Amino acid sequence: MPHPLDRNPENVSGSFYVDNTCIDCDQCRDHAPQFFTRWDEGGYSIVHTQPVTEEEIAQAIEAMEGCPSESIGRE
């Protein structure tokens, strides 16, 4: 389960985040590339844009629920 204190510092500020347990599987980037990208220097995913609309939030939630390492959180 993700924890806000373990969020990667490269995430943009906002409610969605990726924490330090990311295994770089590409799942979130495949499902919602408009919000998630790879931080090449660290070898993990980060949130680069926060979703705003209800449809965008639903897409981010779908990516979060599909994360095999449960590294995506929402505050």
PDB file of N, CA and C in Angstrom:
ATOM      1  N   MET A   1       0.843  -1.178   0.000  1.00  0.00           N
ATOM      2  CA  MET A   1       0.000   0.000   0.000  1.00  0.00           C
ATOM      3  C   MET A   1       0.890   1.244   0.000  1.00  0.00           C
ATOM      4  N   PRO A   2       0.625   2.180  -0.896  1.00  0.00           N
ATOM      5  CA  PRO A   2       1.463   3.372  -0.977  1.00  0.00           C
ATOM      6  C   PRO A   2       1.308   4.260   0.256  1.00  0.00           C
ATOM      7  N   HIS A   3       2.368   4.963   0.565  1.00  0.00           N
ATOM      8  CA  HIS A   3       2.342   5.869   1.704  1.00  0.00           C
ATOM      9  C   HIS A   3       2.833   7.238   1.253  1.00  0.00           C
ATOM     10  N   PRO A   4       2.096   8.304   1.563  1.00  0.00           N
ATOM     11  CA  PRO A   4       2.482   9.643   1.111  1.00  0.00           C
ATOM     12  C   PRO A   4       3.903  10.052   1.513  1.00  0.00           C
ATOM     13  N   LEU A   5       4.375   9.574   2.633  1.00  0.00           N
ATOM     14  CA  LEU A   5       5.727   9.942   3.066  1.00  0.00           C
ATOM     15  C   LEU A   5       6.800   9.275   2.214  1.00  0.00           C
ATOM     16  N   ASP A   6       6.414   8.224   1.471  1.00  0.00           N
ATOM     17  CA  ASP A   6       7.356   7.509   0.611  1.00  0.00           C
ATOM     18  C   ASP A   6       7.240   7.929  -0.855  1.00  0.00           C
ATOM     19  N   ARG A   7       6.495   8.988  -1.129  1.00  0.00           N
ATOM     20  CA  ARG A   7       6.313   9.417  -2.517  1.00  0.00           C
ATOM     21  C   ARG A   7       7.628   9.900  -3.101  1.00  0.00           C
ATOM     22  N   ASN A   8       7.845   9.568  -4.361  1.00  0.00           N
ATOM     23  CA  ASN A   8       9.052  10.015  -5.040  1.00  0.00           C
ATOM     24  C   ASN A   8       9.012  11.537  -5.189  1.00  0.00           C
ATOM     25  N   PRO A   9      10.107  12.225  -4.913  1.00  0.00           N
ATOM     26  CA  PRO A   9      10.104  13.689  -4.948  1.00  0.00           C
ATOM     27  C   PRO A   9       9.891  14.270  -6.342  1.00  0.00           C
ATOM     28  N   GLU A  10      10.059  13.464  -7.386  1.00  0.00           N
ATOM     29  CA  GLU A  10       9.901  13.956  -8.745  1.00  0.00           C
ATOM     30  C   GLU A  10       8.447  14.061  -9.192  1.00  0.00           C
ATOM     31  N   ASN A  11       7.512  13.504  -8.416  1.00  0.00           N
ATOM     32  CA  ASN A  11       6.097  13.661  -8.728  1.00  0.00           C
ATOM     33  C   ASN A  11       5.721  15.139  -8.678  1.00  0.00           C
ATOM     34  N   VAL A  12       4.838  15.555  -9.589  1.00  0.00           N
ATOM     35  CA  VAL A  12       4.296  16.910  -9.456  1.00  0.00           C
ATOM     36  C   VAL A  12       3.384  16.926  -8.231  1.00  0.00           C
ATOM     37  N   SER A  13       3.204  18.079  -7.648  1.00  0.00           N
ATOM     38  CA  SER A  13       2.354  18.149  -6.464  1.00  0.00           C
ATOM     39  C   SER A  13       0.903  17.898  -6.853  1.00  0.00           C
ATOM     40  N   GLY A  14       0.180  17.304  -5.939  1.00  0.00           N
ATOM     41  CA  GLY A  14      -1.217  16.981  -6.165  1.00  0.00           C
ATOM     42  C   GLY A  14      -1.592  15.691  -5.479  1.00  0.00           C
ATOM     43  N   SER A  15      -2.799  15.237  -5.707  1.00  0.00           N
ATOM     44  CA  SER A  15      -3.300  14.096  -4.945  1.00  0.00           C
ATOM     45  C   SER A  15      -2.731  12.752  -5.390  1.00  0.00           C
ATOM     46  N   PHE A  16      -2.440  12.569  -6.679  1.00  0.00           N
ATOM     47  CA  PHE A  16      -1.883  11.298  -7.144  1.00  0.00           C
ATOM     48  C   PHE A  16      -0.367  11.332  -7.060  1.00  0.00           C
ATOM     49  N   TYR A  17       0.226  10.193  -6.710  1.00  0.00           N
ATOM     50  CA  TYR A  17       1.684  10.095  -6.615  1.00  0.00           C
ATOM     51  C   TYR A  17       2.122   8.650  -6.794  1.00  0.00           C
ATOM     52  N   VAL A  18       3.407   8.472  -7.109  1.00  0.00           N
ATOM     53  CA  VAL A  18       4.029   7.158  -7.147  1.00  0.00           C
ATOM     54  C   VAL A  18       5.052   7.139  -6.023  1.00  0.00           C
ATOM     55  N   ASP A  19       5.062   6.071  -5.227  1.00  0.00           N
ATOM     56  CA  ASP A  19       6.007   6.013  -4.113  1.00  0.00           C
ATOM     57  C   ASP A  19       7.257   5.232  -4.493  1.00  0.00           C
ATOM     58  N   ASN A  20       8.130   5.060  -3.517  1.00  0.00           N
ATOM     59  CA  ASN A  20       9.454   4.469  -3.776  1.00  0.00           C
ATOM     60  C   ASN A  20       9.447   2.944  -3.913  1.00  0.00           C
ATOM     61  N   THR A  21       8.269   2.338  -3.998  1.00  0.00           N
ATOM     62  CA  THR A  21       8.209   0.885  -4.209  1.00  0.00           C
ATOM     63  C   THR A  21       7.960   0.522  -5.678  1.00  0.00           C
ATOM     64  N   CYS A  22       7.935   1.512  -6.561  1.00  0.00           N
ATOM     65  CA  CYS A  22       7.672   1.280  -7.987  1.00  0.00           C
ATOM     66  C   CYS A  22       8.706   0.317  -8.563  1.00  0.00           C
ATOM     67  N   ILE A  23       8.209  -0.666  -9.334  1.00  0.00           N
ATOM     68  CA  ILE A  23       9.100  -1.665  -9.940  1.00  0.00           C
ATOM     69  C   ILE A  23       9.343  -1.389 -11.427  1.00  0.00           C
ATOM     70  N   ASP A  24       8.921  -0.231 -11.906  1.00  0.00           N
ATOM     71  CA  ASP A  24       9.171   0.199 -13.285  1.00  0.00           C
ATOM     72  C   ASP A  24       8.601  -0.782 -14.302  1.00  0.00           C
ATOM     73  N   CYS A  25       7.379  -1.244 -14.074  1.00  0.00           N
ATOM     74  CA  CYS A  25       6.775  -2.260 -14.943  1.00  0.00           C
ATOM     75  C   CYS A  25       6.123  -1.673 -16.188  1.00  0.00           C
ATOM     76  N   ASP A  26       5.875  -0.377 -16.202  1.00  0.00           N
ATOM     77  CA  ASP A  26       5.297   0.310 -17.353  1.00  0.00           C
ATOM     78  C   ASP A  26       3.770   0.264 -17.388  1.00  0.00           C
ATOM     79  N   GLN A  27       3.125  -0.385 -16.445  1.00  0.00           N
ATOM     80  CA  GLN A  27       1.672  -0.538 -16.471  1.00  0.00           C
ATOM     81  C   GLN A  27       0.980   0.830 -16.444  1.00  0.00           C
ATOM     82  N   CYS A  28       1.355   1.692 -15.519  1.00  0.00           N
ATOM     83  CA  CYS A  28       0.672   2.989 -15.410  1.00  0.00           C
ATOM     84  C   CYS A  28       0.945   3.854 -16.635  1.00  0.00           C
ATOM     85  N   ARG A  29       2.151   3.773 -17.175  1.00  0.00           N
ATOM     86  CA  ARG A  29       2.515   4.548 -18.364  1.00  0.00           C
ATOM     87  C   ARG A  29       1.752   4.053 -19.587  1.00  0.00           C
ATOM     88  N   ASP A  30       1.462   2.763 -19.646  1.00  0.00           N
ATOM     89  CA  ASP A  30       0.660   2.218 -20.749  1.00  0.00           C
ATOM     90  C   ASP A  30      -0.804   2.636 -20.644  1.00  0.00           C
ATOM     91  N   HIS A  31      -1.346   2.629 -19.430  1.00  0.00           N
ATOM     92  CA  HIS A  31      -2.768   2.919 -19.238  1.00  0.00           C
ATOM     93  C   HIS A  31      -3.094   4.409 -19.177  1.00  0.00           C
ATOM     94  N   ALA A  32      -2.181   5.212 -18.701  1.00  0.00           N
ATOM     95  CA  ALA A  32      -2.462   6.642 -18.547  1.00  0.00           C
ATOM     96  C   ALA A  32      -1.192   7.470 -18.777  1.00  0.00           C
ATOM     97  N   PRO A  33      -0.650   7.444 -20.002  1.00  0.00           N
ATOM     98  CA  PRO A  33       0.595   8.167 -20.278  1.00  0.00           C
ATOM     99  C   PRO A  33       0.457   9.684 -20.146  1.00  0.00           C
ATOM    100  N   GLN A  34      -0.759  10.171 -20.173  1.00  0.00           N
ATOM    101  CA  GLN A  34      -0.958  11.609 -20.004  1.00  0.00           C
ATOM    102  C   GLN A  34      -0.678  12.060 -18.568  1.00  0.00           C
ATOM    103  N   PHE A  35      -0.585  11.102 -17.633  1.00  0.00           N
ATOM    104  CA  PHE A  35      -0.323  11.431 -16.228  1.00  0.00           C
ATOM    105  C   PHE A  35       0.966  10.825 -15.687  1.00  0.00           C
ATOM    106  N   PHE A  36       1.363   9.684 -16.221  1.00  0.00           N
ATOM    107  CA  PHE A  36       2.533   8.967 -15.704  1.00  0.00           C
ATOM    108  C   PHE A  36       3.641   8.920 -16.750  1.00  0.00           C
ATOM    109  N   THR A  37       4.863   9.067 -16.297  1.00  0.00           N
ATOM    110  CA  THR A  37       6.018   8.954 -17.171  1.00  0.00           C
ATOM    111  C   THR A  37       7.147   8.268 -16.404  1.00  0.00           C
ATOM    112  N   ARG A  38       8.185   7.892 -17.137  1.00  0.00           N
ATOM    113  CA  ARG A  38       9.332   7.242 -16.503  1.00  0.00           C
ATOM    114  C   ARG A  38      10.357   8.300 -16.114  1.00  0.00           C
ATOM    115  N   TRP A  39      10.827   8.218 -14.903  1.00  0.00           N
ATOM    116  CA  TRP A  39      11.931   9.054 -14.445  1.00  0.00           C
ATOM    117  C   TRP A  39      13.194   8.243 -14.720  1.00  0.00           C
ATOM    118  N   ASP A  40      13.841   8.537 -15.846  1.00  0.00           N
ATOM    119  CA  ASP A  40      14.966   7.730 -16.304  1.00  0.00           C
ATOM    120  C   ASP A  40      16.115   7.681 -15.306  1.00  0.00           C
ATOM    121  N   GLU A  41      16.373   8.778 -14.641  1.00  0.00           N
ATOM    122  CA  GLU A  41      17.498   8.822 -13.694  1.00  0.00           C
ATOM    123  C   GLU A  41      17.308   7.864 -12.525  1.00  0.00           C
ATOM    124  N   GLY A  42      16.072   7.658 -12.125  1.00  0.00           N
ATOM    125  CA  GLY A  42      15.800   6.767 -10.997  1.00  0.00           C
ATOM    126  C   GLY A  42      15.307   5.398 -11.393  1.00  0.00           C
ATOM    127  N   GLY A  43      14.836   5.278 -12.632  1.00  0.00           N
ATOM    128  CA  GLY A  43      14.322   3.999 -13.099  1.00  0.00           C
ATOM    129  C   GLY A  43      12.976   3.641 -12.502  1.00  0.00           C
ATOM    130  N   TYR A  44      12.069   4.609 -12.405  1.00  0.00           N
ATOM    131  CA  TYR A  44      10.729   4.362 -11.879  1.00  0.00           C
ATOM    132  C   TYR A  44       9.757   5.373 -12.476  1.00  0.00           C
ATOM    133  N   SER A  45       8.482   5.126 -12.255  1.00  0.00           N
ATOM    134  CA  SER A  45       7.447   6.022 -12.758  1.00  0.00           C
ATOM    135  C   SER A  45       7.189   7.158 -11.790  1.00  0.00           C
ATOM    136  N   ILE A  46       6.706   8.260 -12.362  1.00  0.00           N
ATOM    137  CA  ILE A  46       6.282   9.414 -11.565  1.00  0.00           C
ATOM    138  C   ILE A  46       5.004   9.981 -12.187  1.00  0.00           C
ATOM    139  N   VAL A  47       4.322  10.796 -11.433  1.00  0.00           N
ATOM    140  CA  VAL A  47       3.183  11.546 -11.965  1.00  0.00           C
ATOM    141  C   VAL A  47       3.743  12.858 -12.506  1.00  0.00           C
ATOM    142  N   HIS A  48       3.544  13.099 -13.812  1.00  0.00           N
ATOM    143  CA  HIS A  48       4.051  14.339 -14.412  1.00  0.00           C
ATOM    144  C   HIS A  48       2.961  15.375 -14.611  1.00  0.00           C
ATOM    145  N   THR A  49       1.701  14.929 -14.613  1.00  0.00           N
ATOM    146  CA  THR A  49       0.555  15.822 -14.739  1.00  0.00           C
ATOM    147  C   THR A  49      -0.574  15.249 -13.904  1.00  0.00           C
ATOM    148  N   GLN A  50      -1.196  16.075 -13.094  1.00  0.00           N
ATOM    149  CA  GLN A  50      -2.318  15.610 -12.276  1.00  0.00           C
ATOM    150  C   GLN A  50      -3.608  15.626 -13.090  1.00  0.00           C
ATOM    151  N   PRO A  51      -4.441  14.604 -12.937  1.00  0.00           N
ATOM    152  CA  PRO A  51      -5.738  14.610 -13.623  1.00  0.00           C
ATOM    153  C   PRO A  51      -6.643  15.686 -13.028  1.00  0.00           C
ATOM    154  N   VAL A  52      -7.525  16.222 -13.870  1.00  0.00           N
ATOM    155  CA  VAL A  52      -8.402  17.301 -13.422  1.00  0.00           C
ATOM    156  C   VAL A  52      -9.871  16.924 -13.564  1.00  0.00           C
ATOM    157  N   THR A  53     -10.250  16.481 -14.748  1.00  0.00           N
ATOM    158  CA  THR A  53     -11.666  16.178 -14.991  1.00  0.00           C
ATOM    159  C   THR A  53     -12.026  14.816 -14.382  1.00  0.00           C
ATOM    160  N   GLU A  54     -13.309  14.560 -14.288  1.00  0.00           N
ATOM    161  CA  GLU A  54     -13.758  13.271 -13.751  1.00  0.00           C
ATOM    162  C   GLU A  54     -13.265  12.115 -14.610  1.00  0.00           C
ATOM    163  N   GLU A  55     -13.271  12.297 -15.928  1.00  0.00           N
ATOM    164  CA  GLU A  55     -12.783  11.254 -16.840  1.00  0.00           C
ATOM    165  C   GLU A  55     -11.290  11.003 -16.636  1.00  0.00           C
ATOM    166  N   GLU A  56     -10.527  12.072 -16.488  1.00  0.00           N
ATOM    167  CA  GLU A  56      -9.084  11.933 -16.247  1.00  0.00           C
ATOM    168  C   GLU A  56      -8.814  11.244 -14.917  1.00  0.00           C
ATOM    169  N   ILE A  57      -9.549  11.631 -13.906  1.00  0.00           N
ATOM    170  CA  ILE A  57      -9.380  11.013 -12.583  1.00  0.00           C
ATOM    171  C   ILE A  57      -9.703   9.522 -12.662  1.00  0.00           C
ATOM    172  N   ALA A  58     -10.738   9.161 -13.409  1.00  0.00           N
ATOM    173  CA  ALA A  58     -11.096   7.750 -13.575  1.00  0.00           C
ATOM    174  C   ALA A  58      -9.961   6.984 -14.260  1.00  0.00           C
ATOM    175  N   GLN A  59      -9.298   7.601 -15.239  1.00  0.00           N
ATOM    176  CA  GLN A  59      -8.177   6.958 -15.921  1.00  0.00           C
ATOM    177  C   GLN A  59      -7.004   6.756 -14.966  1.00  0.00           C
ATOM    178  N   ALA A  60      -6.721   7.758 -14.145  1.00  0.00           N
ATOM    179  CA  ALA A  60      -5.633   7.642 -13.175  1.00  0.00           C
ATOM    180  C   ALA A  60      -5.951   6.581 -12.122  1.00  0.00           C
ATOM    181  N   ILE A  61      -7.202   6.501 -11.701  1.00  0.00           N
ATOM    182  CA  ILE A  61      -7.613   5.485 -10.734  1.00  0.00           C
ATOM    183  C   ILE A  61      -7.470   4.093 -11.341  1.00  0.00           C
ATOM    184  N   GLU A  62      -7.822   3.949 -12.616  1.00  0.00           N
ATOM    185  CA  GLU A  62      -7.671   2.655 -13.280  1.00  0.00           C
ATOM    186  C   GLU A  62      -6.196   2.234 -13.290  1.00  0.00           C
ATOM    187  N   ALA A  63      -5.311   3.175 -13.585  1.00  0.00           N
ATOM    188  CA  ALA A  63      -3.875   2.870 -13.560  1.00  0.00           C
ATOM    189  C   ALA A  63      -3.432   2.507 -12.145  1.00  0.00           C
ATOM    190  N   MET A  64      -3.944   3.231 -11.154  1.00  0.00           N
ATOM    191  CA  MET A  64      -3.599   2.970  -9.758  1.00  0.00           C
ATOM    192  C   MET A  64      -4.055   1.572  -9.337  1.00  0.00           C
ATOM    193  N   GLU A  65      -5.265   1.218  -9.702  1.00  0.00           N
ATOM    194  CA  GLU A  65      -5.803  -0.090  -9.316  1.00  0.00           C
ATOM    195  C   GLU A  65      -5.098  -1.241 -10.022  1.00  0.00           C
ATOM    196  N   GLY A  66      -4.508  -0.976 -11.187  1.00  0.00           N
ATOM    197  CA  GLY A  66      -3.789  -2.025 -11.917  1.00  0.00           C
ATOM    198  C   GLY A  66      -2.326  -2.149 -11.563  1.00  0.00           C
ATOM    199  N   CYS A  67      -1.845  -1.284 -10.702  1.00  0.00           N
ATOM    200  CA  CYS A  67      -0.413  -1.294 -10.344  1.00  0.00           C
ATOM    201  C   CYS A  67      -0.077  -2.562  -9.565  1.00  0.00           C
ATOM    202  N   PRO A  68       0.813  -3.428 -10.114  1.00  0.00           N
ATOM    203  CA  PRO A  68       1.110  -4.693  -9.447  1.00  0.00           C
ATOM    204  C   PRO A  68       1.889  -4.545  -8.136  1.00  0.00           C
ATOM    205  N   SER A  69       2.585  -3.448  -7.971  1.00  0.00           N
ATOM    206  CA  SER A  69       3.337  -3.253  -6.723  1.00  0.00           C
ATOM    207  C   SER A  69       2.616  -2.303  -5.770  1.00  0.00           C
ATOM    208  N   GLU A  70       1.397  -1.878  -6.149  1.00  0.00           N
ATOM    209  CA  GLU A  70       0.594  -0.952  -5.330  1.00  0.00           C
ATOM    210  C   GLU A  70       1.398   0.270  -4.944  1.00  0.00           C
ATOM    211  N   SER A  71       2.081   0.844  -5.930  1.00  0.00           N
ATOM    212  CA  SER A  71       2.955   1.991  -5.689  1.00  0.00           C
ATOM    213  C   SER A  71       2.314   3.336  -5.995  1.00  0.00           C
ATOM    214  N   ILE A  72       1.106   3.321  -6.530  1.00  0.00           N
ATOM    215  CA  ILE A  72       0.421   4.573  -6.860  1.00  0.00           C
ATOM    216  C   ILE A  72      -0.566   4.885  -5.746  1.00  0.00           C
ATOM    217  N   GLY A  73      -0.484   6.106  -5.256  1.00  0.00           N
ATOM    218  CA  GLY A  73      -1.377   6.508  -4.180  1.00  0.00           C
ATOM    219  C   GLY A  73      -2.176   7.744  -4.546  1.00  0.00           C
ATOM    220  N   ARG A  74      -3.182   7.994  -3.740  1.00  0.00           N
ATOM    221  CA  ARG A  74      -4.022   9.183  -3.902  1.00  0.00           C
ATOM    222  C   ARG A  74      -4.366   9.707  -2.525  1.00  0.00           C
ATOM    223  N   GLU A  75      -4.074  10.948  -2.315  1.00  0.00           N
ATOM    224  CA  GLU A  75      -4.382  11.561  -1.013  1.00  0.00           C
ATOM    225  C   GLU A  75      -5.742  12.219  -1.061  1.00  0.00           C
TER     226      GLU A  75
END
